[in-house]
Protein backbone atom coordinates (compact mmCIF):
# COMPACT_ATOMS: atom_id res chain seq x y z
CA MET A 1 -0.35 0.13 0.13
CA ARG A 2 2.83 2.48 0.67
CA ASN A 3 4.67 1.74 -2.45
CA PHE A 4 1.18 2.69 -4.50
CA CYS A 5 1.48 5.44 -2.49
CA ILE A 6 4.46 6.77 -3.41
CA VAL A 7 4.24 5.68 -7.02
CA SER A 8 1.01 7.50 -7.09
CA LEU A 9 2.83 10.85 -4.96
CA PHE A 10 5.42 10.41 -7.91
CA VAL A 11 3.46 10.41 -11.07
CA LEU A 12 1.46 13.53 -9.36
CA PHE A 13 4.17 15.07 -8.72
CA SER A 14 5.90 14.65 -12.27
CA CYS A 15 2.82 15.74 -14.11
CA ALA A 16 1.66 18.72 -12.67
CA ASP A 17 4.34 21.54 -12.25
CA ASN A 18 1.82 23.65 -9.82
CA VAL A 19 1.16 20.51 -7.43
CA GLY A 20 2.21 21.55 -3.78
CA ASP A 21 5.33 19.98 -2.40
CA ASP A 22 3.76 16.37 -0.81
CA ILE A 23 5.13 15.35 2.72
CA ILE A 24 6.10 11.25 2.26
CA ALA A 25 7.83 10.82 5.56
CA SER A 26 8.27 12.75 9.01
CA VAL A 27 10.37 11.55 12.01
CA ASP A 28 9.45 14.24 15.25
CA ASP A 29 10.03 17.51 13.96
CA SER A 30 11.60 17.12 10.50
CA GLU A 31 9.54 16.50 7.17
CA LEU A 32 10.67 14.87 3.82
CA PHE A 33 9.13 16.47 0.70
CA LEU A 34 8.89 14.40 -2.43
CA SER A 35 11.01 17.70 -3.64
CA ASP A 36 13.77 17.17 -1.42
CA VAL A 37 14.09 13.31 -3.28
CA LEU A 38 13.53 13.90 -6.69
CA ARG A 39 16.09 16.76 -6.45
CA GLU A 40 18.41 13.54 -5.59
CA MET A 41 17.43 11.38 -8.21
CA PRO A 42 19.78 10.29 -11.32
CA SER A 43 18.54 11.39 -14.38
CA ASN A 44 19.19 8.38 -15.55
CA ILE A 45 17.47 5.75 -13.07
CA GLU A 46 15.20 3.22 -13.92
CA ASP A 47 13.14 2.29 -11.26
CA SER A 48 12.08 5.68 -9.49
CA ALA A 49 9.63 4.55 -7.24
CA TYR A 50 12.53 2.03 -5.89
CA PHE A 51 14.69 4.75 -5.76
CA VAL A 52 12.43 7.03 -3.66
CA GLN A 53 11.53 4.28 -1.13
CA TYR A 54 15.43 3.81 -0.60
CA TYR A 55 15.77 7.26 -0.24
CA MET A 56 12.59 7.57 2.38
CA ASP A 57 14.27 4.62 4.51
CA LYS A 58 17.40 5.74 4.54
CA TRP A 59 16.18 9.26 5.85
CA ILE A 60 13.81 7.85 8.67
CA ARG A 61 16.64 5.98 9.50
CA GLU A 62 19.29 8.47 9.85
CA LYS A 63 16.84 11.10 11.41
CA LEU A 64 15.59 8.66 14.24
CA MET A 65 19.05 7.72 14.92
CA LEU A 66 20.17 11.82 15.09
CA TYR A 67 16.76 12.15 17.26
CA HIS A 68 18.12 9.35 19.86
CA ALA A 69 21.89 10.84 19.70
CA GLU A 70 20.56 14.51 20.44
CA LEU A 71 18.69 13.16 22.86
CA ASN A 72 21.40 10.78 25.08
CA LEU A 73 24.24 13.01 24.20
CA SER A 74 22.44 15.84 25.67
CA ILE A 75 24.37 16.45 28.51
CA ASP A 76 27.68 17.32 26.36
CA MET A 77 25.69 18.38 23.40
CA LYS A 78 27.17 21.78 23.59
CA ASP A 79 30.32 20.80 22.98
CA TYR A 80 29.21 18.55 19.63
CA GLU A 81 27.55 21.58 18.90
CA LYS A 82 30.61 23.31 18.70
CA GLN A 83 32.49 21.26 16.66
CA ILE A 84 30.12 20.90 14.28
CA ASP A 85 29.63 24.58 13.72
CA GLU A 86 33.52 25.07 13.14
CA TYR A 87 33.31 22.44 10.88
CA ARG A 88 30.33 23.80 8.76
CA SER A 89 32.56 27.27 8.80
CA SER A 90 35.51 25.45 8.00
CA LEU A 91 33.65 23.68 5.16
CA LEU A 92 32.22 26.91 3.87
CA ILE A 93 35.59 28.77 3.82
CA TYR A 94 37.50 26.21 2.16
CA ALA A 95 34.65 25.98 -0.88
CA TYR A 96 35.08 29.48 -1.22
CA GLN A 97 38.54 29.67 -1.06
CA GLN A 98 38.96 26.68 -3.84
CA GLN A 99 35.99 28.94 -5.84
CA LEU A 100 38.57 31.97 -5.08
CA LEU A 101 41.51 29.64 -6.30
CA ASN A 102 40.36 28.02 -9.46
CA GLN A 103 38.40 31.66 -10.90
CA ASN A 104 41.36 34.15 -10.43
CA PHE A 105 44.79 32.32 -9.06
CA ASP A 106 48.15 32.65 -11.13
CA THR A 107 49.26 28.84 -11.40
CA MET A 108 51.70 30.06 -13.29
CA ILE A 109 55.21 29.24 -11.88
CA SER A 110 58.49 30.94 -13.88
CA ASN A 111 61.63 28.12 -14.40
CA GLN A 112 63.56 31.37 -13.10
CA SER A 113 61.87 30.86 -10.23
CA ILE A 114 62.56 26.93 -9.44
CA VAL A 115 66.10 27.13 -10.50
CA ASP A 116 66.44 29.88 -7.57
CA TYR A 117 64.56 28.05 -5.08
CA TYR A 118 66.65 24.77 -5.78
CA ASN A 119 70.07 27.17 -5.66
CA GLN A 120 68.65 28.36 -2.25
CA TYR A 121 67.63 25.22 -0.35
CA GLN A 122 70.03 22.62 -1.98
CA ASP A 123 70.75 20.40 1.37
CA GLU A 124 66.70 19.91 1.23
CA PHE A 125 67.63 17.79 -2.01
CA ARG A 126 69.45 15.28 -0.80
CA LEU A 127 69.14 11.86 -2.66
CA ASN A 128 67.45 9.16 -0.46
CA SER A 129 68.38 6.17 -2.75
CA SER A 130 70.64 5.71 -6.18
CA ILE A 131 69.43 7.46 -9.41
CA PHE A 132 70.86 7.27 -12.86
CA LYS A 133 70.73 7.67 -16.21
CA GLY A 134 70.74 5.00 -18.98
CA ARG A 135 68.66 2.43 -20.46
CA TYR A 136 66.61 -0.57 -19.90
CA ILE A 137 65.70 -3.43 -21.83
CA VAL A 138 63.99 -7.09 -21.42
CA VAL A 139 64.28 -9.45 -24.20
CA ASN A 140 62.97 -13.02 -24.53
CA LYS A 141 65.98 -14.86 -24.86
CA SER A 142 64.39 -16.64 -27.99
CA ALA A 143 63.76 -13.10 -29.84
CA PRO A 144 65.90 -12.59 -33.00
CA ARG A 145 69.38 -10.67 -33.42
CA LEU A 146 70.84 -10.69 -29.99
CA SER A 147 74.27 -9.82 -30.93
CA SER A 148 73.06 -6.93 -33.01
CA LEU A 149 71.14 -5.69 -29.22
CA SER A 150 74.42 -6.56 -27.27
CA VAL A 151 75.85 -3.50 -29.48
CA TRP A 152 72.89 -1.49 -29.78
CA TYR A 153 72.10 -0.96 -26.14
CA LYS A 154 75.26 0.51 -25.34
CA SER A 155 75.91 2.36 -28.06
CA ASN A 156 75.84 6.15 -28.66
CA LYS A 157 76.12 6.46 -32.22
CA ASP A 158 73.06 7.86 -33.95
CA GLU A 159 72.25 5.15 -35.89
CA ASP A 160 72.74 2.58 -33.79
CA ILE A 161 70.32 4.42 -31.70
CA LEU A 162 67.41 4.74 -34.63
CA GLU A 163 68.17 0.75 -35.11
CA LEU A 164 67.87 -0.13 -31.08
CA GLU A 165 64.14 2.08 -31.12
CA ASP A 166 62.92 0.00 -33.25
CA TYR A 167 64.20 -3.22 -32.24
CA CYS A 168 62.38 -2.48 -29.09
CA LYS A 169 58.84 -1.91 -30.68
CA GLN A 170 59.32 -4.83 -31.79
CA PHE A 171 61.00 -7.24 -29.98
CA ALA A 172 61.43 -6.01 -26.32
CA GLN A 173 58.89 -6.87 -23.47
CA GLU A 174 59.83 -4.03 -21.74
CA TYR A 175 62.23 -1.03 -22.27
CA TYR A 176 63.26 2.30 -21.19
CA LEU A 177 65.86 4.54 -23.59
CA ALA A 178 65.45 7.96 -22.37
CA ASP A 179 68.73 8.41 -21.32
CA SER A 180 68.74 11.72 -20.68
CA ASN A 181 66.32 11.82 -18.02
CA TRP A 182 67.23 11.23 -13.96
CA GLN A 183 65.62 7.74 -13.06
CA TYR A 184 65.88 5.63 -9.77
CA PHE A 185 67.72 3.03 -9.82
CA SER A 186 65.16 0.72 -7.65
CA LEU A 187 62.51 1.12 -10.54
CA ILE A 188 64.80 -1.73 -13.15
CA ASN A 189 66.16 -3.39 -10.06
CA ASN A 190 62.89 -4.51 -8.79
CA ASP A 191 62.51 -6.45 -12.05
CA LEU A 192 65.58 -7.86 -12.15
CA PRO A 193 65.88 -12.02 -11.57
CA ASP A 194 68.44 -11.65 -8.69
CA GLN A 195 68.09 -8.03 -7.32
CA ILE A 196 71.65 -6.03 -6.71
CA GLY A 197 71.70 -5.49 -2.90
CA ASP A 198 74.74 -3.01 -3.07
CA ASP A 199 73.48 -0.59 -5.72
CA VAL A 200 76.31 2.18 -4.92
CA THR A 201 79.14 -0.69 -5.87
CA PHE A 202 77.17 -1.57 -8.87
CA LEU A 203 76.73 1.94 -10.38
CA ARG A 204 80.27 2.67 -9.95
CA ASN A 205 81.52 -0.38 -11.23
CA ASN A 206 79.47 -0.90 -14.32
CA LYS A 207 78.60 0.71 -17.27
CA SER A 208 76.75 -1.85 -19.24
CA LEU A 209 75.88 -5.55 -18.48
CA TYR A 210 73.15 -7.80 -19.21
CA LEU A 211 71.62 -10.38 -16.98
CA GLU A 212 69.12 -12.91 -17.76
CA ASP A 213 67.04 -16.23 -16.42
CA LYS A 214 65.35 -18.91 -17.83
CA ASP A 215 62.96 -16.98 -20.21
CA PHE A 216 64.63 -13.33 -20.24
CA ARG A 217 67.75 -11.04 -21.08
CA TYR A 218 67.95 -7.62 -18.93
CA TYR A 219 70.45 -5.29 -20.31
CA ILE A 220 71.17 -2.05 -18.66
CA TYR A 221 73.33 0.78 -19.80
CA ILE A 222 74.57 3.22 -17.38
CA LYS A 223 74.99 6.67 -18.92
CA ASP A 224 75.28 8.88 -15.54
CA TYR A 225 74.87 8.15 -11.72
CA LYS A 226 74.60 10.03 -8.40
CA ILE A 227 74.45 7.93 -5.21
CA LYS A 228 72.63 8.18 -2.06
CA GLY A 229 73.50 11.60 -0.39
CA ASN A 230 74.42 13.30 -3.15
CA ILE A 231 72.44 16.46 -4.03
CA SER A 232 69.33 15.11 -6.29
CA PRO A 233 69.55 17.26 -10.00
CA LEU A 234 67.10 19.78 -10.76
CA GLY A 235 65.45 17.69 -13.76
CA LEU A 236 64.44 15.33 -10.88
CA GLU A 237 62.83 17.82 -8.33
CA LYS A 238 61.50 20.73 -10.28
CA GLU A 239 57.46 19.05 -9.96
CA LYS A 240 58.44 19.19 -6.53
CA ILE A 241 59.58 22.73 -6.12
CA ARG A 242 56.90 23.65 -8.63
CA ASN A 243 54.59 22.25 -6.20
CA VAL A 244 56.01 23.61 -3.02
CA LEU A 245 56.14 27.20 -4.27
CA LEU A 246 52.68 27.16 -5.69
CA ASN A 247 51.19 26.55 -2.37
CA LYS A 248 53.31 29.16 -1.38
CA ASN A 249 51.85 31.43 -3.12
CA LYS A 250 48.25 30.07 -2.54
CA ILE A 251 48.62 31.07 1.18
CA ASN A 252 50.01 34.27 0.24
CA TYR A 253 47.19 35.08 -2.14
CA LEU A 254 44.57 33.99 0.04
CA SER A 255 45.83 35.96 3.15
CA LYS A 256 46.10 38.90 0.98
CA LEU A 257 42.36 38.12 0.29
CA GLU A 258 41.95 38.15 4.05
CA ASP A 259 43.55 41.01 4.28
CA GLU A 260 41.39 42.74 1.94
CA LEU A 261 38.15 41.41 3.30
CA TYR A 262 39.14 42.80 7.02
CA GLN A 263 40.28 46.31 5.36
CA ASN A 264 37.00 46.58 3.18
CA GLY A 265 35.32 45.42 6.32
CA LEU A 266 36.23 48.09 8.30
CA ALA A 267 35.99 50.91 5.42
CA LEU A 268 32.31 49.82 5.37
CA ASP A 269 31.40 49.75 8.84
CA LYS A 270 30.71 46.10 8.89
CA ILE A 271 32.81 45.41 11.77
CA LYS A 272 32.89 46.49 15.11
CA MET A 273 35.27 45.88 18.03
CA TYR A 274 33.87 46.56 21.83
CA LYS A 275 36.21 47.44 24.15
């Protein structure tokens, strides 16, 4: 019977623009209107009656729980109400700040600003683990032309690099050839058949080599490296510095905005201070 009433209300509301806002449930002094439910209903929903029923039951349960919570926590309710008010204020302020940042905040950070920050705070960019520039290639041991690959993967000749790129696209299971970029050595070490325990000794004593297991060969070419404790290169830290500067600019922007609102409030007589 209740489902029939809900469906009837839904049909009535959907078909008539001037129908009054029908109450479909109430708990104590709280009332749930059909329009409240319809506002929350997804546009592509297949079973609208089920949604109304589900929403109403959920609303009733929440209101009952809230009613008993307020009743039984009445002694400490002032503290809870203060926290709720503070939380609501924080949410509203945060939402407003994000809106202002999205609309008016300049997200551009110049390369010079990044370089200046890096030079000023270099000690903050000590490496926690070793990094390298180089190449990493994994191929099946049955792949063709492995003898040629053994030459190409460690060569710096333009024609060999082109051959290597073409070969990797065709036959490599995995490969990384961007040898002008810094990468953490652990990224490839974790994939090796026998992990290298002392990466510092390995990097200092190896320029190129390949390892193998039952099915694959793992080719490693080390073009350059830096070990743990050294200053991390700017290229590896650039995005991190950009985010630091961006956050600083956001804080300064919002602080300046607060000051402007405060001064406007004083000028417009919206602020009154009493001694």
